[in-house]
Amino acid sequence: MGRKQAKRRKQKKARTFTLPRIRIGRIVAPLVAVGIVVATYHVTIFLLDRDIAAIEISGPFQRVTALQIEEAIGSEVDKGFVGANLDRIRADIVALQWIDQARVARRWPNRLTIAVTEQVPAAIWGERGLLNTRGDLFVSAARHTPAELPRLSGPDGSSARVARRYLDVRDKLIPAGLDLRSIHLDARGAWNMTLGNGIEVRIGRRNVGKRTDLFLDVVAGIISGRAADIEYVDMRYGNGFTIGWKGGPQTPVGDAQGEGKKLLASRGAE
């Protein structure tokens, strides 16, 4: 019999895993540092916070008094010199009806300084509303509306849009020696304007930009010297307009061209 040679099995080496060494110091040190910063902050707040001893308020005070401002921010001021939230104080002041802007600052050791700017009414909105110079409605029912202000009106939420058109047309009328007294946007989107000399300008709701440009470029120059004789200008035509003269014969009701004697003028006519 031949000898069988035994095969030696190679022994497999056992796998070993080495866990990474974590240096506790690298974790603990930042945590301790953060804790110290937080504790220092709270201790500083505790030591520095004190009652607000004085509030200095500056502004025009034509519509809002210093007492009204103090009452509006009273609850926040009671939180102390450091505890009072300046952004919240500013928001409470601006929430007052006639306040436009407010600046609030701390003054060491225990004072607040407040500077306010009041709204400037630039136009009357509807019956008793007031718009500022940006076209924002800041008073919806004013007790007194200055008679010299222009009157703007339109659907709810359209005040800024109407104000922009008013400013654009007004500025372009100045070279012709004309002024704009009122502008109205109705629910259907039709525009009507009244000039400072009393002439009504009917723009309508179609091709508003084109019709307005025609009025500014051509009609304004025609009517500027004859305002006493003109009642209205109707721009609601494809490429022309009509002028309604005062004292002219009345036309039947329903005539889209309006009342009074009319002059039909095409674009570029003199």
C-alpha atoms as a PDB file:
ATOM      1  CA  MET A   1       0.000   0.000   0.000  1.00  0.00           C
ATOM      2  CA  GLY A   2       1.205   3.350  -0.842  1.00  0.00           C
ATOM      3  CA  ARG A   3       1.382   5.787   1.917  1.00  0.00           C
ATOM      4  CA  LYS A   4      -1.112   8.468   2.013  1.00  0.00           C
ATOM      5  CA  GLN A   5       0.398  11.767   2.754  1.00  0.00           C
ATOM      6  CA  ALA A   6      -1.681  13.792   5.103  1.00  0.00           C
ATOM      7  CA  LYS A   7      -2.383  17.271   3.910  1.00  0.00           C
ATOM      8  CA  ARG A   8      -1.719  19.804   6.459  1.00  0.00           C
ATOM      9  CA  ARG A   9      -4.341  22.395   6.725  1.00  0.00           C
ATOM     10  CA  LYS A  10      -3.119  25.900   7.036  1.00  0.00           C
ATOM     11  CA  GLN A  11      -4.410  27.515  10.129  1.00  0.00           C
ATOM     12  CA  LYS A  12      -6.349  30.711   9.470  1.00  0.00           C
ATOM     13  CA  LYS A  13      -5.196  33.763  11.330  1.00  0.00           C
ATOM     14  CA  ALA A  14      -7.827  35.173  13.632  1.00  0.00           C
ATOM     15  CA  ARG A  15      -9.010  38.663  12.617  1.00  0.00           C
ATOM     16  CA  THR A  16      -8.640  41.331  15.214  1.00  0.00           C
ATOM     17  CA  PHE A  17     -10.478  44.670  15.401  1.00  0.00           C
ATOM     18  CA  THR A  18      -8.965  47.652  17.069  1.00  0.00           C
ATOM     19  CA  LEU A  19     -11.383  50.253  18.289  1.00  0.00           C
ATOM     20  CA  PRO A  20     -10.324  53.848  17.683  1.00  0.00           C
ATOM     21  CA  ARG A  21      -9.129  55.600  20.736  1.00  0.00           C
ATOM     22  CA  ILE A  22     -11.309  58.501  21.728  1.00  0.00           C
ATOM     23  CA  ARG A  23      -9.657  61.209  23.653  1.00  0.00           C
ATOM     24  CA  ILE A  24     -12.205  62.369  26.133  1.00  0.00           C
ATOM     25  CA  GLY A  25     -10.426  65.644  26.494  1.00  0.00           C
ATOM     26  CA  ARG A  26     -11.220  66.638  22.909  1.00  0.00           C
ATOM     27  CA  ILE A  27     -14.956  66.274  23.598  1.00  0.00           C
ATOM     28  CA  VAL A  28     -15.114  67.585  27.104  1.00  0.00           C
ATOM     29  CA  ALA A  29     -13.029  70.712  26.500  1.00  0.00           C
ATOM     30  CA  PRO A  30     -15.370  72.286  23.871  1.00  0.00           C
ATOM     31  CA  LEU A  31     -18.420  71.440  25.968  1.00  0.00           C
ATOM     32  CA  VAL A  32     -16.873  73.071  28.976  1.00  0.00           C
ATOM     33  CA  ALA A  33     -15.975  76.130  26.893  1.00  0.00           C
ATOM     34  CA  VAL A  34     -19.530  76.433  25.572  1.00  0.00           C
ATOM     35  CA  GLY A  35     -20.883  76.054  29.075  1.00  0.00           C
ATOM     36  CA  ILE A  36     -18.602  78.798  30.335  1.00  0.00           C
ATOM     37  CA  VAL A  37     -19.696  81.148  27.508  1.00  0.00           C
ATOM     38  CA  VAL A  38     -23.377  80.480  28.162  1.00  0.00           C
ATOM     39  CA  ALA A  39     -22.979  80.914  31.901  1.00  0.00           C
ATOM     40  CA  THR A  40     -20.995  84.113  31.411  1.00  0.00           C
ATOM     41  CA  TYR A  41     -23.693  85.474  29.099  1.00  0.00           C
ATOM     42  CA  HIS A  42     -26.486  84.814  31.597  1.00  0.00           C
ATOM     43  CA  VAL A  43     -24.468  86.202  34.494  1.00  0.00           C
ATOM     44  CA  THR A  44     -23.684  89.325  32.444  1.00  0.00           C
ATOM     45  CA  ILE A  45     -27.347  89.773  31.541  1.00  0.00           C
ATOM     46  CA  PHE A  46     -28.289  89.373  35.185  1.00  0.00           C
ATOM     47  CA  LEU A  47     -25.694  91.888  36.347  1.00  0.00           C
ATOM     48  CA  LEU A  48     -26.292  94.469  33.615  1.00  0.00           C
ATOM     49  CA  ASP A  49     -30.075  94.292  33.343  1.00  0.00           C
ATOM     50  CA  ARG A  50     -31.852  97.013  35.230  1.00  0.00           C
ATOM     51  CA  ASP A  51     -34.994  99.057  34.975  1.00  0.00           C
ATOM     52  CA  ILE A  52     -35.165 101.581  32.159  1.00  0.00           C
ATOM     53  CA  ALA A  53     -34.965 104.933  33.931  1.00  0.00           C
ATOM     54  CA  ALA A  54     -35.577 107.268  30.981  1.00  0.00           C
ATOM     55  CA  ILE A  55     -37.015 107.212  27.452  1.00  0.00           C
ATOM     56  CA  GLU A  56     -36.025 110.008  25.077  1.00  0.00           C
ATOM     57  CA  ILE A  57     -38.464 110.420  22.164  1.00  0.00           C
ATOM     58  CA  SER A  58     -37.870 112.805  19.277  1.00  0.00           C
ATOM     59  CA  GLY A  59     -40.118 113.550  16.316  1.00  0.00           C
ATOM     60  CA  PRO A  60     -42.487 116.128  14.797  1.00  0.00           C
ATOM     61  CA  PHE A  61     -45.406 115.184  17.110  1.00  0.00           C
ATOM     62  CA  GLN A  62     -48.039 116.690  14.828  1.00  0.00           C
ATOM     63  CA  ARG A  63     -50.323 113.653  14.808  1.00  0.00           C
ATOM     64  CA  VAL A  64     -48.910 111.384  17.549  1.00  0.00           C
ATOM     65  CA  THR A  65     -47.821 112.369  21.056  1.00  0.00           C
ATOM     66  CA  ALA A  66     -44.892 111.072  23.108  1.00  0.00           C
ATOM     67  CA  LEU A  67     -47.413 109.775  25.661  1.00  0.00           C
ATOM     68  CA  GLN A  68     -49.106 107.602  23.026  1.00  0.00           C
ATOM     69  CA  ILE A  69     -45.739 106.100  22.112  1.00  0.00           C
ATOM     70  CA  GLU A  70     -44.868 105.378  25.754  1.00  0.00           C
ATOM     71  CA  GLU A  71     -48.210 103.658  26.269  1.00  0.00           C
ATOM     72  CA  ALA A  72     -47.705 101.524  23.142  1.00  0.00           C
ATOM     73  CA  ILE A  73     -44.324 100.176  24.301  1.00  0.00           C
ATOM     74  CA  GLY A  74     -45.009  99.964  28.055  1.00  0.00           C
ATOM     75  CA  SER A  75     -45.147  96.176  28.347  1.00  0.00           C
ATOM     76  CA  GLU A  76     -41.823  95.710  26.571  1.00  0.00           C
ATOM     77  CA  VAL A  77     -40.086  98.501  28.493  1.00  0.00           C
ATOM     78  CA  ASP A  78     -41.046  96.775  31.759  1.00  0.00           C
ATOM     79  CA  LYS A  79     -38.699  93.889  30.825  1.00  0.00           C
ATOM     80  CA  GLY A  80     -35.663  96.009  31.621  1.00  0.00           C
ATOM     81  CA  PHE A  81     -32.725  97.625  29.865  1.00  0.00           C
ATOM     82  CA  VAL A  82     -31.297  94.393  28.434  1.00  0.00           C
ATOM     83  CA  GLY A  83     -34.434  92.265  28.451  1.00  0.00           C
ATOM     84  CA  ALA A  84     -36.480  94.649  26.271  1.00  0.00           C
ATOM     85  CA  ASN A  85     -36.719  93.548  22.625  1.00  0.00           C
ATOM     86  CA  LEU A  86     -35.870  96.559  20.459  1.00  0.00           C
ATOM     87  CA  ASP A  87     -37.399  95.063  17.307  1.00  0.00           C
ATOM     88  CA  ARG A  88     -40.685  94.517  19.118  1.00  0.00           C
ATOM     89  CA  ILE A  89     -40.612  98.056  20.492  1.00  0.00           C
ATOM     90  CA  ARG A  90     -40.047  99.377  16.976  1.00  0.00           C
ATOM     91  CA  ALA A  91     -42.938  97.297  15.615  1.00  0.00           C
ATOM     92  CA  ASP A  92     -45.281  98.512  18.366  1.00  0.00           C
ATOM     93  CA  ILE A  93     -44.447 102.121  17.524  1.00  0.00           C
ATOM     94  CA  VAL A  94     -44.873 101.709  13.760  1.00  0.00           C
ATOM     95  CA  ALA A  95     -48.244 100.051  14.405  1.00  0.00           C
ATOM     96  CA  LEU A  96     -49.570 103.420  15.589  1.00  0.00           C
ATOM     97  CA  GLN A  97     -51.746 104.946  12.874  1.00  0.00           C
ATOM     98  CA  TRP A  98     -49.717 108.033  11.949  1.00  0.00           C
ATOM     99  CA  ILE A  99     -46.200 106.628  12.456  1.00  0.00           C
ATOM    100  CA  ASP A 100     -44.193 105.864   9.320  1.00  0.00           C
ATOM    101  CA  GLN A 101     -40.773 104.857  10.687  1.00  0.00           C
ATOM    102  CA  ALA A 102     -39.078 104.467  14.078  1.00  0.00           C
ATOM    103  CA  ARG A 103     -35.484 104.039  15.278  1.00  0.00           C
ATOM    104  CA  VAL A 104     -34.822 102.596  18.736  1.00  0.00           C
ATOM    105  CA  ALA A 105     -31.468 102.310  20.550  1.00  0.00           C
ATOM    106  CA  ARG A 106     -30.114 101.560  24.031  1.00  0.00           C
ATOM    107  CA  ARG A 107     -28.011 104.177  25.789  1.00  0.00           C
ATOM    108  CA  TRP A 108     -25.870 103.033  28.712  1.00  0.00           C
ATOM    109  CA  PRO A 109     -26.588 102.668  31.526  1.00  0.00           C
ATOM    110  CA  ASN A 110     -30.408 102.739  31.563  1.00  0.00           C
ATOM    111  CA  ARG A 111     -31.894 104.870  28.770  1.00  0.00           C
ATOM    112  CA  LEU A 112     -33.746 104.254  25.521  1.00  0.00           C
ATOM    113  CA  THR A 113     -33.708 106.732  22.625  1.00  0.00           C
ATOM    114  CA  ILE A 114     -36.511 106.703  20.073  1.00  0.00           C
ATOM    115  CA  ALA A 115     -36.742 108.780  16.882  1.00  0.00           C
ATOM    116  CA  VAL A 116     -40.012 108.671  14.928  1.00  0.00           C
ATOM    117  CA  THR A 117     -41.106 109.892  11.500  1.00  0.00           C
ATOM    118  CA  GLU A 118     -44.781 110.585  10.922  1.00  0.00           C
ATOM    119  CA  GLN A 119     -46.750 109.753   7.807  1.00  0.00           C
ATOM    120  CA  VAL A 120     -47.127 112.538   5.237  1.00  0.00           C
ATOM    121  CA  PRO A 121     -50.550 112.445   3.548  1.00  0.00           C
ATOM    122  CA  ALA A 122     -50.146 112.791  -0.219  1.00  0.00           C
ATOM    123  CA  ALA A 123     -53.678 112.026  -1.426  1.00  0.00           C
ATOM    124  CA  ILE A 124     -57.216 111.268  -0.253  1.00  0.00           C
ATOM    125  CA  TRP A 125     -58.385 107.723  -0.927  1.00  0.00           C
ATOM    126  CA  GLY A 126     -62.126 107.281  -1.430  1.00  0.00           C
ATOM    127  CA  GLU A 127     -64.185 109.310   1.002  1.00  0.00           C
ATOM    128  CA  ARG A 128     -61.950 109.533   4.070  1.00  0.00           C
ATOM    129  CA  GLY A 129     -58.846 107.436   3.515  1.00  0.00           C
ATOM    130  CA  LEU A 130     -55.321 108.865   3.317  1.00  0.00           C
ATOM    131  CA  LEU A 131     -52.403 107.671   1.186  1.00  0.00           C
ATOM    132  CA  ASN A 132     -48.741 108.408   1.885  1.00  0.00           C
ATOM    133  CA  THR A 133     -46.127 109.312  -0.716  1.00  0.00           C
ATOM    134  CA  ARG A 134     -45.607 105.599  -1.533  1.00  0.00           C
ATOM    135  CA  GLY A 135     -49.300 105.025  -2.235  1.00  0.00           C
ATOM    136  CA  ASP A 136     -49.861 103.071   1.005  1.00  0.00           C
ATOM    137  CA  LEU A 137     -53.240 103.478   2.704  1.00  0.00           C
ATOM    138  CA  PHE A 138     -52.310 104.364   6.289  1.00  0.00           C
ATOM    139  CA  VAL A 139     -55.616 105.846   7.500  1.00  0.00           C
ATOM    140  CA  SER A 140     -58.907 104.364   6.327  1.00  0.00           C
ATOM    141  CA  ALA A 141     -61.281 106.819   8.035  1.00  0.00           C
ATOM    142  CA  ALA A 142     -59.627 110.157   8.800  1.00  0.00           C
ATOM    143  CA  ARG A 143     -61.588 112.697  10.841  1.00  0.00           C
ATOM    144  CA  HIS A 144     -60.197 115.494   8.695  1.00  0.00           C
ATOM    145  CA  THR A 145     -59.026 115.342   5.065  1.00  0.00           C
ATOM    146  CA  PRO A 146     -57.085 118.334   3.720  1.00  0.00           C
ATOM    147  CA  ALA A 147     -59.045 119.916   0.882  1.00  0.00           C
ATOM    148  CA  GLU A 148     -55.902 120.668  -1.144  1.00  0.00           C
ATOM    149  CA  LEU A 149     -54.983 117.002  -1.550  1.00  0.00           C
ATOM    150  CA  PRO A 150     -55.844 115.162  -4.797  1.00  0.00           C
ATOM    151  CA  ARG A 151     -58.594 112.566  -4.633  1.00  0.00           C
ATOM    152  CA  LEU A 152     -57.939 108.991  -5.703  1.00  0.00           C
ATOM    153  CA  SER A 153     -60.402 106.118  -5.656  1.00  0.00           C
ATOM    154  CA  GLY A 154     -60.812 102.559  -6.850  1.00  0.00           C
ATOM    155  CA  PRO A 155     -61.646  98.997  -5.797  1.00  0.00           C
ATOM    156  CA  ASP A 156     -60.267  97.586  -2.542  1.00  0.00           C
ATOM    157  CA  GLY A 157     -56.581  96.811  -2.786  1.00  0.00           C
ATOM    158  CA  SER A 158     -55.936  99.069  -5.793  1.00  0.00           C
ATOM    159  CA  SER A 159     -54.620 102.124  -3.934  1.00  0.00           C
ATOM    160  CA  ALA A 160     -50.954 101.574  -4.879  1.00  0.00           C
ATOM    161  CA  ARG A 161     -51.852 100.997  -8.545  1.00  0.00           C
ATOM    162  CA  VAL A 162     -54.001 104.133  -8.731  1.00  0.00           C
ATOM    163  CA  ALA A 163     -51.348 106.165  -6.912  1.00  0.00           C
ATOM    164  CA  ARG A 164     -48.661 105.100  -9.412  1.00  0.00           C
ATOM    165  CA  ARG A 165     -50.817 106.191 -12.365  1.00  0.00           C
ATOM    166  CA  TYR A 166     -51.640 109.460 -10.649  1.00  0.00           C
ATOM    167  CA  LEU A 167     -47.960 110.283 -10.082  1.00  0.00           C
ATOM    168  CA  ASP A 168     -47.018 109.301 -13.633  1.00  0.00           C
ATOM    169  CA  VAL A 169     -49.742 111.430 -15.294  1.00  0.00           C
ATOM    170  CA  ARG A 170     -49.287 114.366 -12.918  1.00  0.00           C
ATOM    171  CA  ASP A 171     -45.573 114.650 -13.641  1.00  0.00           C
ATOM    172  CA  LYS A 172     -46.172 114.558 -17.412  1.00  0.00           C
ATOM    173  CA  LEU A 173     -48.879 117.246 -17.234  1.00  0.00           C
ATOM    174  CA  ILE A 174     -46.594 119.796 -15.579  1.00  0.00           C
ATOM    175  CA  PRO A 175     -44.829 120.866 -18.835  1.00  0.00           C
ATOM    176  CA  ALA A 176     -48.257 121.678 -20.319  1.00  0.00           C
ATOM    177  CA  GLY A 177     -49.147 123.847 -17.334  1.00  0.00           C
ATOM    178  CA  LEU A 178     -51.854 121.425 -16.172  1.00  0.00           C
ATOM    179  CA  ASP A 179     -52.476 119.647 -12.894  1.00  0.00           C
ATOM    180  CA  LEU A 180     -54.396 116.532 -11.878  1.00  0.00           C
ATOM    181  CA  ARG A 181     -57.144 116.940  -9.270  1.00  0.00           C
ATOM    182  CA  SER A 182     -58.551 113.406  -9.130  1.00  0.00           C
ATOM    183  CA  ILE A 183     -58.309 109.973 -10.706  1.00  0.00           C
ATOM    184  CA  HIS A 184     -60.785 107.115 -10.419  1.00  0.00           C
ATOM    185  CA  LEU A 185     -60.629 103.421 -11.332  1.00  0.00           C
ATOM    186  CA  ASP A 186     -64.010 101.694 -11.404  1.00  0.00           C
ATOM    187  CA  ALA A 187     -64.804  98.030 -10.795  1.00  0.00           C
ATOM    188  CA  ARG A 188     -64.717  97.278 -14.558  1.00  0.00           C
ATOM    189  CA  GLY A 189     -61.201  98.685 -14.898  1.00  0.00           C
ATOM    190  CA  ALA A 190     -62.161 101.991 -16.554  1.00  0.00           C
ATOM    191  CA  TRP A 191     -60.157 105.123 -15.736  1.00  0.00           C
ATOM    192  CA  ASN A 192     -61.482 108.664 -15.313  1.00  0.00           C
ATOM    193  CA  MET A 193     -59.461 111.755 -14.467  1.00  0.00           C
ATOM    194  CA  THR A 194     -60.314 115.319 -13.530  1.00  0.00           C
ATOM    195  CA  LEU A 195     -57.780 118.058 -14.160  1.00  0.00           C
ATOM    196  CA  GLY A 196     -57.111 120.944 -11.830  1.00  0.00           C
ATOM    197  CA  ASN A 197     -59.065 123.241 -14.167  1.00  0.00           C
ATOM    198  CA  GLY A 198     -62.173 121.030 -13.869  1.00  0.00           C
ATOM    199  CA  ILE A 199     -61.968 119.262 -17.240  1.00  0.00           C
ATOM    200  CA  GLU A 200     -62.966 115.594 -17.061  1.00  0.00           C
ATOM    201  CA  VAL A 201     -60.824 113.136 -19.037  1.00  0.00           C
ATOM    202  CA  ARG A 202     -62.434 109.787 -19.870  1.00  0.00           C
ATOM    203  CA  ILE A 203     -59.815 107.139 -20.587  1.00  0.00           C
ATOM    204  CA  GLY A 204     -61.912 103.955 -20.397  1.00  0.00           C
ATOM    205  CA  ARG A 205     -60.633 100.453 -19.783  1.00  0.00           C
ATOM    206  CA  ARG A 206     -59.054  99.455 -23.094  1.00  0.00           C
ATOM    207  CA  ASN A 207     -55.655 100.548 -24.412  1.00  0.00           C
ATOM    208  CA  VAL A 208     -55.225 102.637 -21.273  1.00  0.00           C
ATOM    209  CA  GLY A 209     -51.543 103.309 -21.857  1.00  0.00           C
ATOM    210  CA  LYS A 210     -52.013 104.256 -25.510  1.00  0.00           C
ATOM    211  CA  ARG A 211     -54.960 106.548 -24.793  1.00  0.00           C
ATOM    212  CA  THR A 212     -53.152 108.209 -21.899  1.00  0.00           C
ATOM    213  CA  ASP A 213     -50.121 108.863 -24.114  1.00  0.00           C
ATOM    214  CA  LEU A 214     -52.370 110.342 -26.818  1.00  0.00           C
ATOM    215  CA  PHE A 215     -53.916 112.676 -24.274  1.00  0.00           C
ATOM    216  CA  LEU A 216     -50.533 113.745 -22.900  1.00  0.00           C
ATOM    217  CA  ASP A 217     -48.840 114.119 -26.308  1.00  0.00           C
ATOM    218  CA  VAL A 218     -51.652 115.805 -28.259  1.00  0.00           C
ATOM    219  CA  VAL A 219     -54.745 116.763 -26.286  1.00  0.00           C
ATOM    220  CA  ALA A 220     -53.085 118.415 -23.285  1.00  0.00           C
ATOM    221  CA  GLY A 221     -51.512 121.030 -25.529  1.00  0.00           C
ATOM    222  CA  ILE A 222     -54.822 121.706 -27.278  1.00  0.00           C
ATOM    223  CA  ILE A 223     -56.926 122.222 -24.169  1.00  0.00           C
ATOM    224  CA  SER A 224     -54.400 124.057 -22.009  1.00  0.00           C
ATOM    225  CA  GLY A 225     -55.366 127.452 -23.463  1.00  0.00           C
ATOM    226  CA  ARG A 226     -59.139 126.864 -23.650  1.00  0.00           C
ATOM    227  CA  ALA A 227     -59.946 125.300 -20.279  1.00  0.00           C
ATOM    228  CA  ALA A 228     -62.811 127.744 -19.602  1.00  0.00           C
ATOM    229  CA  ASP A 229     -64.692 126.496 -22.691  1.00  0.00           C
ATOM    230  CA  ILE A 230     -64.203 122.738 -22.279  1.00  0.00           C
ATOM    231  CA  GLU A 231     -66.264 120.384 -20.130  1.00  0.00           C
ATOM    232  CA  TYR A 232     -64.697 117.022 -20.929  1.00  0.00           C
ATOM    233  CA  VAL A 233     -62.373 115.083 -23.192  1.00  0.00           C
ATOM    234  CA  ASP A 234     -63.377 111.569 -24.243  1.00  0.00           C
ATOM    235  CA  MET A 235     -60.443 109.355 -25.208  1.00  0.00           C
ATOM    236  CA  ARG A 236     -62.492 106.187 -25.719  1.00  0.00           C
ATOM    237  CA  TYR A 237     -61.873 105.908 -29.462  1.00  0.00           C
ATOM    238  CA  GLY A 238     -59.588 103.724 -31.524  1.00  0.00           C
ATOM    239  CA  ASN A 239     -57.339 106.505 -32.815  1.00  0.00           C
ATOM    240  CA  GLY A 240     -58.920 109.790 -31.802  1.00  0.00           C
ATOM    241  CA  PHE A 241     -60.877 111.678 -29.161  1.00  0.00           C
ATOM    242  CA  THR A 242     -63.770 114.072 -28.666  1.00  0.00           C
ATOM    243  CA  ILE A 243     -63.896 117.382 -26.855  1.00  0.00           C
ATOM    244  CA  GLY A 244     -67.143 118.358 -25.156  1.00  0.00           C
ATOM    245  CA  TRP A 245     -67.679 122.128 -25.065  1.00  0.00           C
ATOM    246  CA  LYS A 246     -69.532 123.937 -22.329  1.00  0.00           C
ATOM    247  CA  GLY A 247     -72.959 125.317 -23.255  1.00  0.00           C
ATOM    248  CA  GLY A 248     -73.362 123.028 -26.253  1.00  0.00           C
ATOM    249  CA  PRO A 249     -76.633 121.272 -27.140  1.00  0.00           C
ATOM    250  CA  GLN A 250     -77.300 118.076 -25.239  1.00  0.00           C
ATOM    251  CA  THR A 251     -77.194 114.782 -27.074  1.00  0.00           C
ATOM    252  CA  PRO A 252     -79.703 111.968 -26.404  1.00  0.00           C
ATOM    253  CA  VAL A 253     -79.072 109.728 -23.388  1.00  0.00           C
ATOM    254  CA  GLY A 254     -77.114 106.654 -24.379  1.00  0.00           C
ATOM    255  CA  ASP A 255     -74.988 108.417 -26.986  1.00  0.00           C
ATOM    256  CA  ALA A 256     -71.549 106.993 -26.269  1.00  0.00           C
ATOM    257  CA  GLN A 257     -69.953 110.228 -27.423  1.00  0.00           C
ATOM    258  CA  GLY A 258     -71.300 112.135 -24.411  1.00  0.00           C
ATOM    259  CA  GLU A 259     -73.198 115.370 -23.974  1.00  0.00           C
ATOM    260  CA  GLY A 260     -72.616 118.790 -25.513  1.00  0.00           C
ATOM    261  CA  LYS A 261     -71.103 119.965 -28.731  1.00  0.00           C
ATOM    262  CA  LYS A 262     -68.198 117.733 -29.772  1.00  0.00           C
ATOM    263  CA  LEU A 263     -65.123 118.071 -31.858  1.00  0.00           C
ATOM    264  CA  LEU A 264     -63.765 114.805 -33.268  1.00  0.00           C
ATOM    265  CA  ALA A 265     -60.021 114.988 -33.671  1.00  0.00           C
ATOM    266  CA  SER A 266     -57.746 112.282 -34.964  1.00  0.00           C
ATOM    267  CA  ARG A 267     -54.231 111.632 -33.814  1.00  0.00           C
ATOM    268  CA  GLY A 268     -51.913 114.376 -34.911  1.00  0.00           C
ATOM    269  CA  ALA A 269     -54.678 116.885 -35.619  1.00  0.00           C
ATOM    270  CA  GLU A 270     -54.064 120.484 -34.666  1.00  0.00           C
END
